[in-house]
Amino acid sequence: MLKDPSFEPGASYVYTFGTAVFDSYDDAENELLEVLIAEVTDPGSVPVKRIREAREKAGEAYKKLLEDRKIYQEVDEDVD
C-alpha cells in the first residue's frame, strides 16, 4: 500500500513519473549515449558543440523528470 511520504528514517519510498516526461528523458539519455559512444569509438568524430547540446538536452530532460515525479511511502499491511 502507498501513502503520502512522512520521510521517516528507514522507510521505503516509491517514485512515479508521467509517461511522456519519462519518455522524453529516456530519448535524451539515449541520444547522449549515442553521441558519447561515437566519440569514444572514433575520437574527434563528434563536434564538441554536438556533445554539449546532447548533454544539455539530457540535463534539461532530467530536471523535468525530477519536477514531475511523485513520491509515495510504502506501507506494510498485516494480512491475517
PDB file of N, CA and C in Angstrom:
ATOM      1  N   MET A   1       0.846  -1.167   0.000  1.00  0.00           N
ATOM      2  CA  MET A   1       0.000   0.000   0.000  1.00  0.00           C
ATOM      3  C   MET A   1       0.898   1.239   0.000  1.00  0.00           C
ATOM      4  N   LEU A   2       0.432   2.300  -0.609  1.00  0.00           N
ATOM      5  CA  LEU A   2       1.201   3.540  -0.673  1.00  0.00           C
ATOM      6  C   LEU A   2       0.463   4.654   0.057  1.00  0.00           C
ATOM      7  N   LYS A   3       1.212   5.569   0.641  1.00  0.00           N
ATOM      8  CA  LYS A   3       0.620   6.739   1.300  1.00  0.00           C
ATOM      9  C   LYS A   3       1.526   7.940   1.034  1.00  0.00           C
ATOM     10  N   ASP A   4       1.051   9.108   1.416  1.00  0.00           N
ATOM     11  CA  ASP A   4       1.898  10.292   1.298  1.00  0.00           C
ATOM     12  C   ASP A   4       3.126  10.103   2.177  1.00  0.00           C
ATOM     13  N   PRO A   5       4.280  10.573   1.721  1.00  0.00           N
ATOM     14  CA  PRO A   5       5.526  10.315   2.453  1.00  0.00           C
ATOM     15  C   PRO A   5       5.619  11.071   3.775  1.00  0.00           C
ATOM     16  N   SER A   6       6.164  10.390   4.771  1.00  0.00           N
ATOM     17  CA  SER A   6       6.422  11.024   6.061  1.00  0.00           C
ATOM     18  C   SER A   6       7.918  11.276   6.228  1.00  0.00           C
ATOM     19  N   PHE A   7       8.712  10.696   5.331  1.00  0.00           N
ATOM     20  CA  PHE A   7      10.173  10.817   5.340  1.00  0.00           C
ATOM     21  C   PHE A   7      10.790  10.378   6.665  1.00  0.00           C
ATOM     22  N   GLU A   8      10.299   9.242   7.159  1.00  0.00           N
ATOM     23  CA  GLU A   8      10.847   8.646   8.367  1.00  0.00           C
ATOM     24  C   GLU A   8      12.141   7.918   8.015  1.00  0.00           C
ATOM     25  N   PRO A   9      13.116   7.921   8.906  1.00  0.00           N
ATOM     26  CA  PRO A   9      14.347   7.176   8.625  1.00  0.00           C
ATOM     27  C   PRO A   9      14.036   5.691   8.432  1.00  0.00           C
ATOM     28  N   GLY A  10      14.649   5.106   7.417  1.00  0.00           N
ATOM     29  CA  GLY A  10      14.486   3.675   7.171  1.00  0.00           C
ATOM     30  C   GLY A  10      13.229   3.299   6.407  1.00  0.00           C
ATOM     31  N   ALA A  11      12.389   4.267   6.077  1.00  0.00           N
ATOM     32  CA  ALA A  11      11.159   3.958   5.334  1.00  0.00           C
ATOM     33  C   ALA A  11      11.483   3.697   3.868  1.00  0.00           C
ATOM     34  N   SER A  12      10.592   2.999   3.201  1.00  0.00           N
ATOM     35  CA  SER A  12      10.732   2.679   1.781  1.00  0.00           C
ATOM     36  C   SER A  12       9.849   3.614   0.966  1.00  0.00           C
ATOM     37  N   TYR A  13      10.377   4.104  -0.159  1.00  0.00           N
ATOM     38  CA  TYR A  13       9.626   5.062  -0.969  1.00  0.00           C
ATOM     39  C   TYR A  13       9.546   4.608  -2.414  1.00  0.00           C
ATOM     40  N   VAL A  14       8.500   5.036  -3.087  1.00  0.00           N
ATOM     41  CA  VAL A  14       8.274   4.737  -4.494  1.00  0.00           C
ATOM     42  C   VAL A  14       8.160   6.072  -5.221  1.00  0.00           C
ATOM     43  N   TYR A  15       8.831   6.176  -6.356  1.00  0.00           N
ATOM     44  CA  TYR A  15       8.759   7.378  -7.178  1.00  0.00           C
ATOM     45  C   TYR A  15       7.974   7.044  -8.438  1.00  0.00           C
ATOM     46  N   THR A  16       7.062   7.909  -8.831  1.00  0.00           N
ATOM     47  CA  THR A  16       6.329   7.712 -10.076  1.00  0.00           C
ATOM     48  C   THR A  16       6.572   8.911 -10.983  1.00  0.00           C
ATOM     49  N   PHE A  17       6.495   8.668 -12.271  1.00  0.00           N
ATOM     50  CA  PHE A  17       6.744   9.711 -13.265  1.00  0.00           C
ATOM     51  C   PHE A  17       5.675   9.636 -14.349  1.00  0.00           C
ATOM     52  N   GLY A  18       5.338  10.770 -14.940  1.00  0.00           N
ATOM     53  CA  GLY A  18       4.441  10.789 -16.083  1.00  0.00           C
ATOM     54  C   GLY A  18       5.124  10.126 -17.273  1.00  0.00           C
ATOM     55  N   THR A  19       4.376   9.375 -18.042  1.00  0.00           N
ATOM     56  CA  THR A  19       4.936   8.617 -19.161  1.00  0.00           C
ATOM     57  C   THR A  19       5.612   9.514 -20.192  1.00  0.00           C
ATOM     58  N   ALA A  20       4.957  10.605 -20.583  1.00  0.00           N
ATOM     59  CA  ALA A  20       5.532  11.489 -21.603  1.00  0.00           C
ATOM     60  C   ALA A  20       6.846  12.103 -21.127  1.00  0.00           C
ATOM     61  N   VAL A  21       6.893  12.505 -19.868  1.00  0.00           N
ATOM     62  CA  VAL A  21       8.105  13.109 -19.319  1.00  0.00           C
ATOM     63  C   VAL A  21       9.222  12.067 -19.241  1.00  0.00           C
ATOM     64  N   PHE A  22       8.875  10.858 -18.822  1.00  0.00           N
ATOM     65  CA  PHE A  22       9.882   9.804 -18.740  1.00  0.00           C
ATOM     66  C   PHE A  22      10.394   9.438 -20.128  1.00  0.00           C
ATOM     67  N   ASP A  23       9.497   9.345 -21.108  1.00  0.00           N
ATOM     68  CA  ASP A  23       9.911   9.022 -22.475  1.00  0.00           C
ATOM     69  C   ASP A  23      10.857  10.084 -23.039  1.00  0.00           C
ATOM     70  N   SER A  24      10.562  11.343 -22.747  1.00  0.00           N
ATOM     71  CA  SER A  24      11.421  12.444 -23.198  1.00  0.00           C
ATOM     72  C   SER A  24      12.812  12.324 -22.576  1.00  0.00           C
ATOM     73  N   TYR A  25      12.854  12.010 -21.286  1.00  0.00           N
ATOM     74  CA  TYR A  25      14.124  11.816 -20.582  1.00  0.00           C
ATOM     75  C   TYR A  25      14.887  10.638 -21.185  1.00  0.00           C
ATOM     76  N   ASP A  26      14.179   9.534 -21.413  1.00  0.00           N
ATOM     77  CA  ASP A  26      14.798   8.332 -21.960  1.00  0.00           C
ATOM     78  C   ASP A  26      15.397   8.607 -23.341  1.00  0.00           C
ATOM     79  N   ASP A  27      14.656   9.317 -24.183  1.00  0.00           N
ATOM     80  CA  ASP A  27      15.145   9.670 -25.519  1.00  0.00           C
ATOM     81  C   ASP A  27      16.398  10.539 -25.440  1.00  0.00           C
ATOM     82  N   ALA A  28      16.385  11.534 -24.552  1.00  0.00           N
ATOM     83  CA  ALA A  28      17.532  12.437 -24.411  1.00  0.00           C
ATOM     84  C   ALA A  28      18.758  11.690 -23.892  1.00  0.00           C
ATOM     85  N   GLU A  29      18.564  10.792 -22.944  1.00  0.00           N
ATOM     86  CA  GLU A  29      19.681   9.997 -22.415  1.00  0.00           C
ATOM     87  C   GLU A  29      20.248   9.076 -23.492  1.00  0.00           C
ATOM     88  N   ASN A  30      19.369   8.462 -24.281  1.00  0.00           N
ATOM     89  CA  ASN A  30      19.832   7.588 -25.365  1.00  0.00           C
ATOM     90  C   ASN A  30      20.630   8.373 -26.397  1.00  0.00           C
ATOM     91  N   GLU A  31      20.151   9.560 -26.721  1.00  0.00           N
ATOM     92  CA  GLU A  31      20.870  10.414 -27.669  1.00  0.00           C
ATOM     93  C   GLU A  31      22.255  10.769 -27.140  1.00  0.00           C
ATOM     94  N   LEU A  32      22.329  11.116 -25.872  1.00  0.00           N
ATOM     95  CA  LEU A  32      23.617  11.444 -25.260  1.00  0.00           C
ATOM     96  C   LEU A  32      24.555  10.234 -25.299  1.00  0.00           C
ATOM     97  N   LEU A  33      24.035   9.064 -24.973  1.00  0.00           N
ATOM     98  CA  LEU A  33      24.862   7.856 -25.012  1.00  0.00           C
ATOM     99  C   LEU A  33      25.386   7.575 -26.412  1.00  0.00           C
ATOM    100  N   GLU A  34      24.534   7.742 -27.414  1.00  0.00           N
ATOM    101  CA  GLU A  34      24.969   7.523 -28.796  1.00  0.00           C
ATOM    102  C   GLU A  34      26.103   8.472 -29.181  1.00  0.00           C
ATOM    103  N   VAL A  35      25.963   9.730 -28.786  1.00  0.00           N
ATOM    104  CA  VAL A  35      26.996  10.726 -29.091  1.00  0.00           C
ATOM    105  C   VAL A  35      28.307  10.365 -28.383  1.00  0.00           C
ATOM    106  N   LEU A  36      28.211  10.002 -27.116  1.00  0.00           N
ATOM    107  CA  LEU A  36      29.424   9.670 -26.353  1.00  0.00           C
ATOM    108  C   LEU A  36      30.089   8.391 -26.872  1.00  0.00           C
ATOM    109  N   ILE A  37      29.281   7.399 -27.213  1.00  0.00           N
ATOM    110  CA  ILE A  37      29.842   6.152 -27.755  1.00  0.00           C
ATOM    111  C   ILE A  37      30.541   6.426 -29.084  1.00  0.00           C
ATOM    112  N   ALA A  38      29.927   7.253 -29.915  1.00  0.00           N
ATOM    113  CA  ALA A  38      30.555   7.600 -31.197  1.00  0.00           C
ATOM    114  C   ALA A  38      31.890   8.295 -30.961  1.00  0.00           C
ATOM    115  N   GLU A  39      31.943   9.170 -29.981  1.00  0.00           N
ATOM    116  CA  GLU A  39      33.187   9.900 -29.695  1.00  0.00           C
ATOM    117  C   GLU A  39      34.262   8.975 -29.133  1.00  0.00           C
ATOM    118  N   VAL A  40      33.881   8.046 -28.290  1.00  0.00           N
ATOM    119  CA  VAL A  40      34.849   7.106 -27.711  1.00  0.00           C
ATOM    120  C   VAL A  40      35.346   6.138 -28.782  1.00  0.00           C
ATOM    121  N   THR A  41      34.440   5.688 -29.633  1.00  0.00           N
ATOM    122  CA  THR A  41      34.789   4.737 -30.694  1.00  0.00           C
ATOM    123  C   THR A  41      35.705   5.372 -31.742  1.00  0.00           C
ATOM    124  N   ASP A  42      35.399   6.619 -32.085  1.00  0.00           N
ATOM    125  CA  ASP A  42      36.174   7.328 -33.105  1.00  0.00           C
ATOM    126  C   ASP A  42      36.458   8.745 -32.606  1.00  0.00           C
ATOM    127  N   PRO A  43      37.504   8.899 -31.776  1.00  0.00           N
ATOM    128  CA  PRO A  43      37.801  10.201 -31.181  1.00  0.00           C
ATOM    129  C   PRO A  43      37.899  11.318 -32.219  1.00  0.00           C
ATOM    130  N   GLY A  44      37.242  12.423 -31.908  1.00  0.00           N
ATOM    131  CA  GLY A  44      37.272  13.583 -32.787  1.00  0.00           C
ATOM    132  C   GLY A  44      36.189  13.575 -33.853  1.00  0.00           C
ATOM    133  N   SER A  45      35.401  12.493 -33.918  1.00  0.00           N
ATOM    134  CA  SER A  45      34.374  12.395 -34.956  1.00  0.00           C
ATOM    135  C   SER A  45      33.116  13.203 -34.638  1.00  0.00           C
ATOM    136  N   VAL A  46      32.927  13.508 -33.377  1.00  0.00           N
ATOM    137  CA  VAL A  46      31.733  14.256 -32.968  1.00  0.00           C
ATOM    138  C   VAL A  46      32.167  15.654 -32.538  1.00  0.00           C
ATOM    139  N   PRO A  47      31.594  16.683 -33.149  1.00  0.00           N
ATOM    140  CA  PRO A  47      31.956  18.047 -32.757  1.00  0.00           C
ATOM    141  C   PRO A  47      31.632  18.309 -31.280  1.00  0.00           C
ATOM    142  N   VAL A  48      32.464  19.081 -30.641  1.00  0.00           N
ATOM    143  CA  VAL A  48      32.275  19.416 -29.230  1.00  0.00           C
ATOM    144  C   VAL A  48      30.904  20.056 -29.013  1.00  0.00           C
ATOM    145  N   LYS A  49      30.479  20.878 -29.958  1.00  0.00           N
ATOM    146  CA  LYS A  49      29.171  21.530 -29.851  1.00  0.00           C
ATOM    147  C   LYS A  49      28.053  20.489 -29.780  1.00  0.00           C
ATOM    148  N   ARG A  50      28.152  19.425 -30.561  1.00  0.00           N
ATOM    149  CA  ARG A  50      27.135  18.367 -30.573  1.00  0.00           C
ATOM    150  C   ARG A  50      27.102  17.630 -29.246  1.00  0.00           C
ATOM    151  N   ILE A  51      28.260  17.375 -28.673  1.00  0.00           N
ATOM    152  CA  ILE A  51      28.333  16.720 -27.358  1.00  0.00           C
ATOM    153  C   ILE A  51      27.696  17.614 -26.307  1.00  0.00           C
ATOM    154  N   ARG A  52      28.024  18.896 -26.329  1.00  0.00           N
ATOM    155  CA  ARG A  52      27.480  19.860 -25.368  1.00  0.00           C
ATOM    156  C   ARG A  52      25.951  19.938 -25.487  1.00  0.00           C
ATOM    157  N   GLU A  53      25.451  20.001 -26.725  1.00  0.00           N
ATOM    158  CA  GLU A  53      23.997  20.078 -26.935  1.00  0.00           C
ATOM    159  C   GLU A  53      23.282  18.838 -26.397  1.00  0.00           C
ATOM    160  N   ALA A  54      23.837  17.664 -26.663  1.00  0.00           N
ATOM    161  CA  ALA A  54      23.228  16.423 -26.183  1.00  0.00           C
ATOM    162  C   ALA A  54      23.251  16.361 -24.661  1.00  0.00           C
ATOM    163  N   ARG A  55      24.350  16.822 -24.072  1.00  0.00           N
ATOM    164  CA  ARG A  55      24.464  16.838 -22.610  1.00  0.00           C
ATOM    165  C   ARG A  55      23.462  17.800 -21.991  1.00  0.00           C
ATOM    166  N   GLU A  56      23.310  18.984 -22.588  1.00  0.00           N
ATOM    167  CA  GLU A  56      22.359  19.967 -22.076  1.00  0.00           C
ATOM    168  C   GLU A  56      20.924  19.473 -22.219  1.00  0.00           C
ATOM    169  N   LYS A  57      20.626  18.839 -23.347  1.00  0.00           N
ATOM    170  CA  LYS A  57      19.284  18.300 -23.577  1.00  0.00           C
ATOM    171  C   LYS A  57      18.958  17.230 -22.532  1.00  0.00           C
ATOM    172  N   ALA A  58      19.897  16.352 -22.261  1.00  0.00           N
ATOM    173  CA  ALA A  58      19.692  15.308 -21.253  1.00  0.00           C
ATOM    174  C   ALA A  58      19.531  15.920 -19.860  1.00  0.00           C
ATOM    175  N   GLY A  59      20.304  16.948 -19.565  1.00  0.00           N
ATOM    176  CA  GLY A  59      20.193  17.617 -18.266  1.00  0.00           C
ATOM    177  C   GLY A  59      18.838  18.278 -18.077  1.00  0.00           C
ATOM    178  N   GLU A  60      18.345  18.940 -19.115  1.00  0.00           N
ATOM    179  CA  GLU A  60      17.027  19.580 -19.045  1.00  0.00           C
ATOM    180  C   GLU A  60      15.922  18.532 -18.893  1.00  0.00           C
ATOM    181  N   ALA A  61      16.038  17.435 -19.612  1.00  0.00           N
ATOM    182  CA  ALA A  61      15.041  16.366 -19.510  1.00  0.00           C
ATOM    183  C   ALA A  61      15.045  15.772 -18.108  1.00  0.00           C
ATOM    184  N   TYR A  62      16.230  15.644 -17.505  1.00  0.00           N
ATOM    185  CA  TYR A  62      16.337  15.118 -16.143  1.00  0.00           C
ATOM    186  C   TYR A  62      15.688  16.069 -15.148  1.00  0.00           C
ATOM    187  N   LYS A  63      15.896  17.363 -15.319  1.00  0.00           N
ATOM    188  CA  LYS A  63      15.266  18.355 -14.436  1.00  0.00           C
ATOM    189  C   LYS A  63      13.745  18.250 -14.506  1.00  0.00           C
ATOM    190  N   LYS A  64      13.211  18.112 -15.719  1.00  0.00           N
ATOM    191  CA  LYS A  64      11.758  17.974 -15.889  1.00  0.00           C
ATOM    192  C   LYS A  64      11.261  16.691 -15.232  1.00  0.00           C
ATOM    193  N   LEU A  65      12.044  15.631 -15.341  1.00  0.00           N
ATOM    194  CA  LEU A  65      11.680  14.363 -14.719  1.00  0.00           C
ATOM    195  C   LEU A  65      11.577  14.527 -13.206  1.00  0.00           C
ATOM    196  N   LEU A  66      12.549  15.203 -12.618  1.00  0.00           N
ATOM    197  CA  LEU A  66      12.523  15.412 -11.170  1.00  0.00           C
ATOM    198  C   LEU A  66      11.357  16.294 -10.739  1.00  0.00           C
ATOM    199  N   GLU A  67      11.037  17.300 -11.548  1.00  0.00           N
ATOM    200  CA  GLU A  67       9.920  18.184 -11.229  1.00  0.00           C
ATOM    201  C   GLU A  67       8.591  17.447 -11.307  1.00  0.00           C
ATOM    202  N   ASP A  68       8.499  16.475 -12.200  1.00  0.00           N
ATOM    203  CA  ASP A  68       7.248  15.755 -12.440  1.00  0.00           C
ATOM    204  C   ASP A  68       7.028  14.589 -11.472  1.00  0.00           C
ATOM    205  N   ARG A  69       8.078  14.137 -10.814  1.00  0.00           N
ATOM    206  CA  ARG A  69       7.957  12.916 -10.004  1.00  0.00           C
ATOM    207  C   ARG A  69       7.012  13.115  -8.822  1.00  0.00           C
ATOM    208  N   LYS A  70       6.431  12.026  -8.437  1.00  0.00           N
ATOM    209  CA  LYS A  70       5.588  11.988  -7.253  1.00  0.00           C
ATOM    210  C   LYS A  70       6.203  10.930  -6.338  1.00  0.00           C
ATOM    211  N   ILE A  71       6.216  11.209  -5.051  1.00  0.00           N
ATOM    212  CA  ILE A  71       6.844  10.313  -4.084  1.00  0.00           C
ATOM    213  C   ILE A  71       5.769   9.750  -3.159  1.00  0.00           C
ATOM    214  N   TYR A  72       5.812   8.444  -2.993  1.00  0.00           N
ATOM    215  CA  TYR A  72       4.899   7.781  -2.073  1.00  0.00           C
ATOM    216  C   TYR A  72       5.704   6.899  -1.137  1.00  0.00           C
ATOM    217  N   GLN A  73       5.197   6.708   0.060  1.00  0.00           N
ATOM    218  CA  GLN A  73       5.849   5.838   1.027  1.00  0.00           C
ATOM    219  C   GLN A  73       5.164   4.480   1.007  1.00  0.00           C
ATOM    220  N   GLU A  74       5.963   3.423   0.984  1.00  0.00           N
ATOM    221  CA  GLU A  74       5.410   2.073   1.034  1.00  0.00           C
ATOM    222  C   GLU A  74       5.041   1.749   2.477  1.00  0.00           C
ATOM    223  N   VAL A  75       3.886   1.141   2.641  1.00  0.00           N
ATOM    224  CA  VAL A  75       3.410   0.772   3.971  1.00  0.00           C
ATOM    225  C   VAL A  75       3.136  -0.710   3.972  1.00  0.00           C
ATOM    226  N   ASP A  76       3.705  -1.424   4.951  1.00  0.00           N
ATOM    227  CA  ASP A  76       3.430  -2.855   5.081  1.00  0.00           C
ATOM    228  C   ASP A  76       2.045  -3.036   5.679  1.00  0.00           C
ATOM    229  N   GLU A  77       1.286  -3.921   5.090  1.00  0.00           N
ATOM    230  CA  GLU A  77      -0.048  -4.230   5.626  1.00  0.00           C
ATOM    231  C   GLU A  77       0.014  -5.622   6.221  1.00  0.00           C
ATOM    232  N   ASP A  78      -0.513  -5.766   7.428  1.00  0.00           N
ATOM    233  CA  ASP A  78      -0.611  -7.097   8.041  1.00  0.00           C
ATOM    234  C   ASP A  78      -1.778  -7.827   7.415  1.00  0.00           C
ATOM    235  N   VAL A  79      -1.495  -9.004   6.879  1.00  0.00           N
ATOM    236  CA  VAL A  79      -2.545  -9.805   6.267  1.00  0.00           C
ATOM    237  C   VAL A  79      -2.827 -10.977   7.199  1.00  0.00           C
ATOM    238  N   ASP A  80      -4.070 -11.087   7.626  1.00  0.00           N
ATOM    239  CA  ASP A  80      -4.441 -12.202   8.540  1.00  0.00           C
ATOM    240  C   ASP A  80      -4.901 -13.393   7.757  1.00  0.00           C
TER     241      ASP A  80
END
